Amino acid sequence: MRAWWREISGLVIPAVCGGCGTPRTQLCEVCGQALLGRTARRARPVPEPAGLPVVHAAAAYTDSVRAVILAHKERGALGLARPLGAALAEAVRAAAGYAHGPGGPVLLVPVPSAPSAVRARGHDAARRIALAAAAELRRTGRTAGVLPVLRQRRRMADQAGLTARERLANVAGALEVRSGGARLLAGATAVIVDDLMTTGATLVEAARAMSAATGADPLTAVLPRAAVVAVPPLSLGPNRN
């Protein structure tokens, strides 16, 4: 009911920019440029955790980009899924190696939100953005779909306030691939997707769960790729390609 009301209210209540509050637009030109105005780049958190897949990000998590992500995730500005999805699609193209040429089908695997968070927010933010990104990829000629095969196998503590090491411990072993998911992942170009990467701990766990499900040797396997909308600016710093 909450998600339905948000969809309807977005049609009748004048919108304001999710990034800066400018009236009568969900995303103004300046904030749109901050989100979508740069080529996706390789991102590495500092410190970089072992087992982190190669990650590409569309934007730095500062000011208006932070506000847009939080408006979509926490305040139900569901119309922002489309521009956030466009930004994620740019990162997926880079992660999948399609940025400068043709490529085959790609499957977007969203990082799962906690069921309690989905209930509280009224929607699954990462999955919604993944669907928008897949639609954007298809619009530009790519074959893309969303494969929500990851799920939480146990509850995790809130990551806010935890150190990088504590976050790794918090998520270790917390994710698994749903029954039958390994067959769908086998041989596919799969990209783990999320709206934000901070320390990289969740992406490490997602990659581990997917590799374990497909029976990949952890010492020799190529880790799944990952794409996110935004990362802290330091993760996009100089000499991090």
C-alpha atoms as a PDB file:
ATOM      1  CA  MET A   1       0.000   0.000   0.000  1.00  0.00           C
ATOM      2  CA  ARG A   2       2.825   2.424   0.848  1.00  0.00           C
ATOM      3  CA  ALA A   3       4.558   1.869  -2.505  1.00  0.00           C
ATOM      4  CA  TRP A   4       1.222   2.264  -4.351  1.00  0.00           C
ATOM      5  CA  TRP A   5       0.512   5.565  -2.603  1.00  0.00           C
ATOM      6  CA  ARG A   6       3.982   6.859  -3.416  1.00  0.00           C
ATOM      7  CA  GLU A   7       3.479   6.051  -7.103  1.00  0.00           C
ATOM      8  CA  ILE A   8       0.125   7.871  -7.178  1.00  0.00           C
ATOM      9  CA  SER A   9       1.234  10.841  -5.099  1.00  0.00           C
ATOM     10  CA  GLY A  10       4.185  11.383  -7.423  1.00  0.00           C
ATOM     11  CA  LEU A  11       1.682  12.096 -10.191  1.00  0.00           C
ATOM     12  CA  VAL A  12      -0.354  14.709  -8.342  1.00  0.00           C
ATOM     13  CA  ILE A  13       2.059  16.415  -5.935  1.00  0.00           C
ATOM     14  CA  PRO A  14       4.478  18.895  -7.553  1.00  0.00           C
ATOM     15  CA  ALA A  15       7.946  17.351  -7.615  1.00  0.00           C
ATOM     16  CA  VAL A  16      11.109  18.880  -6.260  1.00  0.00           C
ATOM     17  CA  CYS A  17      14.629  17.943  -7.287  1.00  0.00           C
ATOM     18  CA  GLY A  18      15.870  15.049  -5.194  1.00  0.00           C
ATOM     19  CA  GLY A  19      19.340  16.546  -5.151  1.00  0.00           C
ATOM     20  CA  CYS A  20      18.823  20.196  -4.269  1.00  0.00           C
ATOM     21  CA  GLY A  21      15.103  20.831  -3.781  1.00  0.00           C
ATOM     22  CA  THR A  22      14.526  22.924  -6.901  1.00  0.00           C
ATOM     23  CA  PRO A  23      10.752  22.913  -7.450  1.00  0.00           C
ATOM     24  CA  ARG A  24       8.824  21.360 -10.342  1.00  0.00           C
ATOM     25  CA  THR A  25      11.448  18.828 -11.362  1.00  0.00           C
ATOM     26  CA  GLN A  26      12.498  15.506  -9.886  1.00  0.00           C
ATOM     27  CA  LEU A  27      16.090  16.071 -11.022  1.00  0.00           C
ATOM     28  CA  CYS A  28      17.414  19.449 -12.096  1.00  0.00           C
ATOM     29  CA  GLU A  29      20.048  19.894 -14.779  1.00  0.00           C
ATOM     30  CA  VAL A  30      22.879  20.574 -12.316  1.00  0.00           C
ATOM     31  CA  CYS A  31      22.147  17.535 -10.152  1.00  0.00           C
ATOM     32  CA  GLY A  32      21.580  15.420 -13.239  1.00  0.00           C
ATOM     33  CA  GLN A  33      25.013  16.403 -14.472  1.00  0.00           C
ATOM     34  CA  ALA A  34      26.557  15.346 -11.152  1.00  0.00           C
ATOM     35  CA  LEU A  35      24.873  11.946 -11.441  1.00  0.00           C
ATOM     36  CA  LEU A  36      25.163  11.305 -15.173  1.00  0.00           C
ATOM     37  CA  GLY A  37      27.766  13.680 -16.485  1.00  0.00           C
ATOM     38  CA  ARG A  38      30.905  11.536 -16.196  1.00  0.00           C
ATOM     39  CA  THR A  39      32.132   8.331 -17.746  1.00  0.00           C
ATOM     40  CA  ALA A  40      31.964   5.373 -15.365  1.00  0.00           C
ATOM     41  CA  ARG A  41      35.315   4.656 -13.724  1.00  0.00           C
ATOM     42  CA  ARG A  42      37.037   1.851 -11.873  1.00  0.00           C
ATOM     43  CA  ALA A  43      36.489   2.204  -8.139  1.00  0.00           C
ATOM     44  CA  ARG A  44      38.583   0.840  -5.284  1.00  0.00           C
ATOM     45  CA  PRO A  45      37.844   1.514  -1.620  1.00  0.00           C
ATOM     46  CA  VAL A  46      40.691   2.407   0.710  1.00  0.00           C
ATOM     47  CA  PRO A  47      41.662  -0.056   2.080  1.00  0.00           C
ATOM     48  CA  GLU A  48      40.668  -2.491  -0.661  1.00  0.00           C
ATOM     49  CA  PRO A  49      39.374  -5.770   0.818  1.00  0.00           C
ATOM     50  CA  ALA A  50      40.535  -9.146  -0.464  1.00  0.00           C
ATOM     51  CA  GLY A  51      38.018 -10.787  -2.759  1.00  0.00           C
ATOM     52  CA  LEU A  52      36.550  -7.537  -4.062  1.00  0.00           C
ATOM     53  CA  PRO A  53      35.355  -7.883  -7.664  1.00  0.00           C
ATOM     54  CA  VAL A  54      36.342  -5.292 -10.230  1.00  0.00           C
ATOM     55  CA  VAL A  55      33.930  -2.431  -9.515  1.00  0.00           C
ATOM     56  CA  HIS A  56      32.902   0.449 -11.768  1.00  0.00           C
ATOM     57  CA  ALA A  57      30.976   3.477 -10.522  1.00  0.00           C
ATOM     58  CA  ALA A  58      29.133   6.237 -12.324  1.00  0.00           C
ATOM     59  CA  ALA A  59      29.500   9.058  -9.790  1.00  0.00           C
ATOM     60  CA  ALA A  60      31.093  10.232  -6.575  1.00  0.00           C
ATOM     61  CA  TYR A  61      28.922  10.006  -3.460  1.00  0.00           C
ATOM     62  CA  THR A  62      28.881  13.692  -2.585  1.00  0.00           C
ATOM     63  CA  ASP A  63      26.302  16.433  -2.104  1.00  0.00           C
ATOM     64  CA  SER A  64      23.525  16.121  -4.706  1.00  0.00           C
ATOM     65  CA  VAL A  65      24.300  12.509  -5.644  1.00  0.00           C
ATOM     66  CA  ARG A  66      24.046  11.499  -1.986  1.00  0.00           C
ATOM     67  CA  ALA A  67      20.759  13.388  -1.678  1.00  0.00           C
ATOM     68  CA  VAL A  68      19.310  11.730  -4.797  1.00  0.00           C
ATOM     69  CA  ILE A  69      20.215   8.219  -3.622  1.00  0.00           C
ATOM     70  CA  LEU A  70      18.763   8.849  -0.164  1.00  0.00           C
ATOM     71  CA  ALA A  71      15.624  10.461  -1.572  1.00  0.00           C
ATOM     72  CA  HIS A  72      14.985   7.363  -3.662  1.00  0.00           C
ATOM     73  CA  LYS A  73      15.918   4.823  -1.002  1.00  0.00           C
ATOM     74  CA  GLU A  74      14.624   6.380   2.201  1.00  0.00           C
ATOM     75  CA  ARG A  75      12.029   8.975   1.207  1.00  0.00           C
ATOM     76  CA  GLY A  76      10.189   7.120  -1.524  1.00  0.00           C
ATOM     77  CA  ALA A  77      11.028   9.390  -4.467  1.00  0.00           C
ATOM     78  CA  LEU A  78      10.422   6.474  -6.801  1.00  0.00           C
ATOM     79  CA  GLY A  79      10.641   8.554  -9.960  1.00  0.00           C
ATOM     80  CA  LEU A  80      14.369   8.893  -9.319  1.00  0.00           C
ATOM     81  CA  ALA A  81      14.832   5.211 -10.149  1.00  0.00           C
ATOM     82  CA  ARG A  82      15.012   6.079 -13.835  1.00  0.00           C
ATOM     83  CA  PRO A  83      18.002   8.496 -13.699  1.00  0.00           C
ATOM     84  CA  LEU A  84      19.686   6.335 -11.061  1.00  0.00           C
ATOM     85  CA  GLY A  85      19.157   3.367 -13.372  1.00  0.00           C
ATOM     86  CA  ALA A  86      20.667   5.292 -16.272  1.00  0.00           C
ATOM     87  CA  ALA A  87      23.741   6.002 -14.150  1.00  0.00           C
ATOM     88  CA  LEU A  88      23.951   2.359 -13.110  1.00  0.00           C
ATOM     89  CA  ALA A  89      23.631   1.268 -16.744  1.00  0.00           C
ATOM     90  CA  GLU A  90      26.690   3.347 -17.588  1.00  0.00           C
ATOM     91  CA  ALA A  91      28.637   1.570 -14.848  1.00  0.00           C
ATOM     92  CA  VAL A  92      27.371  -1.834 -16.032  1.00  0.00           C
ATOM     93  CA  ARG A  93      28.576  -1.124 -19.561  1.00  0.00           C
ATOM     94  CA  ALA A  94      32.040  -0.402 -18.212  1.00  0.00           C
ATOM     95  CA  ALA A  95      32.019  -3.389 -15.854  1.00  0.00           C
ATOM     96  CA  ALA A  96      30.922  -5.781 -18.590  1.00  0.00           C
ATOM     97  CA  GLY A  97      33.461  -4.417 -21.065  1.00  0.00           C
ATOM     98  CA  TYR A  98      30.797  -2.957 -23.361  1.00  0.00           C
ATOM     99  CA  ALA A  99      31.760   0.689 -23.020  1.00  0.00           C
ATOM    100  CA  HIS A 100      33.568   0.890 -26.368  1.00  0.00           C
ATOM    101  CA  GLY A 101      32.064  -1.905 -28.421  1.00  0.00           C
ATOM    102  CA  PRO A 102      29.380  -4.543 -28.844  1.00  0.00           C
ATOM    103  CA  GLY A 103      28.800  -7.170 -26.214  1.00  0.00           C
ATOM    104  CA  GLY A 104      26.558 -10.101 -25.435  1.00  0.00           C
ATOM    105  CA  PRO A 105      23.712 -10.473 -22.945  1.00  0.00           C
ATOM    106  CA  VAL A 106      24.315  -9.296 -19.405  1.00  0.00           C
ATOM    107  CA  LEU A 107      22.504 -10.230 -16.202  1.00  0.00           C
ATOM    108  CA  LEU A 108      22.258  -7.703 -13.381  1.00  0.00           C
ATOM    109  CA  VAL A 109      22.333  -9.326  -9.940  1.00  0.00           C
ATOM    110  CA  PRO A 110      21.148  -6.838  -7.283  1.00  0.00           C
ATOM    111  CA  VAL A 111      22.558  -6.939  -3.768  1.00  0.00           C
ATOM    112  CA  PRO A 112      19.582  -7.986  -1.630  1.00  0.00           C
ATOM    113  CA  SER A 113      18.150  -5.607   0.929  1.00  0.00           C
ATOM    114  CA  ALA A 114      17.154  -6.901   4.336  1.00  0.00           C
ATOM    115  CA  PRO A 115      13.452  -7.902   4.355  1.00  0.00           C
ATOM    116  CA  SER A 116      12.875  -5.555   7.292  1.00  0.00           C
ATOM    117  CA  ALA A 117      14.345  -2.642   5.311  1.00  0.00           C
ATOM    118  CA  VAL A 118      12.140  -3.428   2.319  1.00  0.00           C
ATOM    119  CA  ARG A 119       9.064  -3.469   4.569  1.00  0.00           C
ATOM    120  CA  ALA A 120      10.031  -0.186   6.242  1.00  0.00           C
ATOM    121  CA  ARG A 121      10.766   1.601   2.952  1.00  0.00           C
ATOM    122  CA  GLY A 122       7.940   0.072   0.969  1.00  0.00           C
ATOM    123  CA  HIS A 123      10.260  -0.935  -1.870  1.00  0.00           C
ATOM    124  CA  ASP A 124      13.555  -2.646  -2.656  1.00  0.00           C
ATOM    125  CA  ALA A 125      15.764   0.231  -3.806  1.00  0.00           C
ATOM    126  CA  ALA A 126      18.595  -1.805  -5.331  1.00  0.00           C
ATOM    127  CA  ARG A 127      16.247  -4.055  -7.269  1.00  0.00           C
ATOM    128  CA  ARG A 128      14.214  -1.109  -8.548  1.00  0.00           C
ATOM    129  CA  ILE A 129      17.348   0.635  -9.816  1.00  0.00           C
ATOM    130  CA  ALA A 130      18.578  -2.615 -11.380  1.00  0.00           C
ATOM    131  CA  LEU A 131      15.317  -2.949 -13.309  1.00  0.00           C
ATOM    132  CA  ALA A 132      15.638   0.635 -14.531  1.00  0.00           C
ATOM    133  CA  ALA A 133      19.251   0.012 -15.569  1.00  0.00           C
ATOM    134  CA  ALA A 134      18.319  -3.124 -17.500  1.00  0.00           C
ATOM    135  CA  ALA A 135      15.580  -1.180 -19.295  1.00  0.00           C
ATOM    136  CA  GLU A 136      18.093   1.535 -20.194  1.00  0.00           C
ATOM    137  CA  LEU A 137      20.549  -1.045 -21.514  1.00  0.00           C
ATOM    138  CA  ARG A 138      17.846  -2.618 -23.662  1.00  0.00           C
ATOM    139  CA  ARG A 139      16.821   0.805 -24.938  1.00  0.00           C
ATOM    140  CA  THR A 140      20.360   1.319 -26.225  1.00  0.00           C
ATOM    141  CA  GLY A 141      20.547  -2.069 -27.914  1.00  0.00           C
ATOM    142  CA  ARG A 142      21.969  -4.334 -25.210  1.00  0.00           C
ATOM    143  CA  THR A 143      20.348  -7.592 -24.172  1.00  0.00           C
ATOM    144  CA  ALA A 144      19.977  -7.258 -20.414  1.00  0.00           C
ATOM    145  CA  GLY A 145      17.878  -8.639 -17.592  1.00  0.00           C
ATOM    146  CA  VAL A 146      17.707  -8.651 -13.811  1.00  0.00           C
ATOM    147  CA  LEU A 147      18.431 -11.873 -11.944  1.00  0.00           C
ATOM    148  CA  PRO A 148      17.636 -11.452  -8.207  1.00  0.00           C
ATOM    149  CA  VAL A 149      19.207 -14.739  -7.145  1.00  0.00           C
ATOM    150  CA  LEU A 150      21.011 -13.489  -4.036  1.00  0.00           C
ATOM    151  CA  ARG A 151      19.291 -13.583  -0.668  1.00  0.00           C
ATOM    152  CA  GLN A 152      20.222 -13.094   2.961  1.00  0.00           C
ATOM    153  CA  ARG A 153      20.642 -16.375   4.820  1.00  0.00           C
ATOM    154  CA  ARG A 154      20.905 -14.673   8.202  1.00  0.00           C
ATOM    155  CA  ARG A 155      20.307 -11.282   9.731  1.00  0.00           C
ATOM    156  CA  MET A 156      23.115  -8.747   9.651  1.00  0.00           C
ATOM    157  CA  ALA A 157      23.722  -5.806  11.951  1.00  0.00           C
ATOM    158  CA  ASP A 158      23.251  -2.307  10.585  1.00  0.00           C
ATOM    159  CA  GLN A 159      26.501  -1.438   8.782  1.00  0.00           C
ATOM    160  CA  ALA A 160      26.357   2.233   9.750  1.00  0.00           C
ATOM    161  CA  GLY A 161      29.109   3.119  12.178  1.00  0.00           C
ATOM    162  CA  LEU A 162      31.108  -0.069  11.634  1.00  0.00           C
ATOM    163  CA  THR A 163      34.737  -0.020  10.557  1.00  0.00           C
ATOM    164  CA  ALA A 164      35.817  -1.658   7.304  1.00  0.00           C
ATOM    165  CA  ARG A 165      37.029  -4.735   9.189  1.00  0.00           C
ATOM    166  CA  GLU A 166      33.821  -4.933  11.239  1.00  0.00           C
ATOM    167  CA  ARG A 167      31.726  -4.696   8.081  1.00  0.00           C
ATOM    168  CA  LEU A 168      33.587  -7.619   6.517  1.00  0.00           C
ATOM    169  CA  ALA A 169      32.969  -9.697   9.640  1.00  0.00           C
ATOM    170  CA  ASN A 170      29.335  -8.615   9.766  1.00  0.00           C
ATOM    171  CA  VAL A 171      28.520  -9.793   6.228  1.00  0.00           C
ATOM    172  CA  ALA A 172      30.774 -12.862   6.064  1.00  0.00           C
ATOM    173  CA  GLY A 173      28.643 -15.853   5.095  1.00  0.00           C
ATOM    174  CA  ALA A 174      25.441 -13.802   5.179  1.00  0.00           C
ATOM    175  CA  LEU A 175      24.436 -14.211   1.527  1.00  0.00           C
ATOM    176  CA  GLU A 176      23.590 -17.214  -0.597  1.00  0.00           C
ATOM    177  CA  VAL A 177      22.272 -17.969  -4.067  1.00  0.00           C
ATOM    178  CA  ARG A 178      18.681 -19.117  -4.223  1.00  0.00           C
ATOM    179  CA  SER A 179      17.907 -22.687  -5.237  1.00  0.00           C
ATOM    180  CA  GLY A 180      18.315 -23.023  -8.992  1.00  0.00           C
ATOM    181  CA  GLY A 181      20.221 -19.765  -9.260  1.00  0.00           C
ATOM    182  CA  ALA A 182      23.571 -21.393  -9.977  1.00  0.00           C
ATOM    183  CA  ARG A 183      22.184 -22.895 -13.190  1.00  0.00           C
ATOM    184  CA  LEU A 184      21.035 -19.449 -14.347  1.00  0.00           C
ATOM    185  CA  LEU A 185      24.423 -17.911 -13.549  1.00  0.00           C
ATOM    186  CA  ALA A 186      26.482 -20.606 -15.272  1.00  0.00           C
ATOM    187  CA  GLY A 187      28.220 -19.187 -18.321  1.00  0.00           C
ATOM    188  CA  ALA A 188      26.453 -15.828 -18.041  1.00  0.00           C
ATOM    189  CA  THR A 189      27.990 -12.378 -17.971  1.00  0.00           C
ATOM    190  CA  ALA A 190      26.725 -11.460 -14.522  1.00  0.00           C
ATOM    191  CA  VAL A 191      27.278  -8.075 -12.895  1.00  0.00           C
ATOM    192  CA  ILE A 192      26.550  -7.521  -9.210  1.00  0.00           C
ATOM    193  CA  VAL A 193      24.789  -4.172  -8.839  1.00  0.00           C
ATOM    194  CA  ASP A 194      23.975  -1.800  -5.984  1.00  0.00           C
ATOM    195  CA  ASP A 195      23.327   1.892  -5.499  1.00  0.00           C
ATOM    196  CA  LEU A 196      26.371   2.526  -3.304  1.00  0.00           C
ATOM    197  CA  MET A 197      29.715   1.012  -2.353  1.00  0.00           C
ATOM    198  CA  THR A 198      31.532   2.288   0.729  1.00  0.00           C
ATOM    199  CA  THR A 199      34.025  -0.263   2.092  1.00  0.00           C
ATOM    200  CA  GLY A 200      33.204  -2.970  -0.466  1.00  0.00           C
ATOM    201  CA  ALA A 201      32.345  -5.568   2.193  1.00  0.00           C
ATOM    202  CA  THR A 202      28.902  -6.400   0.794  1.00  0.00           C
ATOM    203  CA  LEU A 203      30.234  -6.792  -2.747  1.00  0.00           C
ATOM    204  CA  VAL A 204      32.955  -9.131  -1.433  1.00  0.00           C
ATOM    205  CA  GLU A 205      30.287 -11.306   0.182  1.00  0.00           C
ATOM    206  CA  ALA A 206      28.053 -11.221  -2.902  1.00  0.00           C
ATOM    207  CA  ALA A 207      30.957 -12.320  -5.105  1.00  0.00           C
ATOM    208  CA  ARG A 208      31.837 -15.093  -2.658  1.00  0.00           C
ATOM    209  CA  ALA A 209      28.272 -16.395  -2.589  1.00  0.00           C
ATOM    210  CA  MET A 210      28.005 -16.430  -6.376  1.00  0.00           C
ATOM    211  CA  SER A 211      31.373 -18.134  -6.838  1.00  0.00           C
ATOM    212  CA  ALA A 212      30.483 -20.738  -4.198  1.00  0.00           C
ATOM    213  CA  ALA A 213      27.162 -21.495  -5.870  1.00  0.00           C
ATOM    214  CA  THR A 214      28.736 -22.061  -9.273  1.00  0.00           C
ATOM    215  CA  GLY A 215      31.490 -24.258  -7.832  1.00  0.00           C
ATOM    216  CA  ALA A 216      34.302 -21.932  -8.859  1.00  0.00           C
ATOM    217  CA  ASP A 217      37.741 -22.532  -7.354  1.00  0.00           C
ATOM    218  CA  PRO A 218      38.288 -19.478  -5.086  1.00  0.00           C
ATOM    219  CA  LEU A 219      42.029 -19.526  -5.852  1.00  0.00           C
ATOM    220  CA  THR A 220      41.704 -19.440  -9.634  1.00  0.00           C
ATOM    221  CA  ALA A 221      38.204 -18.225 -10.466  1.00  0.00           C
ATOM    222  CA  VAL A 222      37.575 -14.870 -12.082  1.00  0.00           C
ATOM    223  CA  LEU A 223      35.409 -12.948  -9.644  1.00  0.00           C
ATOM    224  CA  PRO A 224      32.032 -11.640 -10.804  1.00  0.00           C
ATOM    225  CA  ARG A 225      32.082  -8.026 -11.933  1.00  0.00           C
ATOM    226  CA  ALA A 226      30.273  -5.273 -10.073  1.00  0.00           C
ATOM    227  CA  ALA A 227      28.730  -1.909 -10.867  1.00  0.00           C
ATOM    228  CA  VAL A 228      27.331   0.756  -8.561  1.00  0.00           C
ATOM    229  CA  VAL A 229      25.850   4.198  -8.933  1.00  0.00           C
ATOM    230  CA  ALA A 230      28.235   5.940  -6.547  1.00  0.00           C
ATOM    231  CA  VAL A 231      31.270   5.536  -4.308  1.00  0.00           C
ATOM    232  CA  PRO A 232      33.095   7.862  -1.892  1.00  0.00           C
ATOM    233  CA  PRO A 233      35.335  10.297  -3.786  1.00  0.00           C
ATOM    234  CA  LEU A 234      38.531   8.721  -2.462  1.00  0.00           C
ATOM    235  CA  SER A 235      37.583   5.467  -4.207  1.00  0.00           C
ATOM    236  CA  LEU A 236      37.762   7.314  -7.522  1.00  0.00           C
ATOM    237  CA  GLY A 237      41.042   9.027  -6.677  1.00  0.00           C
ATOM    238  CA  PRO A 238      44.018   9.413  -9.021  1.00  0.00           C
ATOM    239  CA  ASN A 239      45.986   6.334 -10.053  1.00  0.00           C
ATOM    240  CA  ARG A 240      43.122   3.984  -9.157  1.00  0.00           C
ATOM    241  CA  ASN A 241      42.489   2.512 -12.627  1.00  0.00           C
END
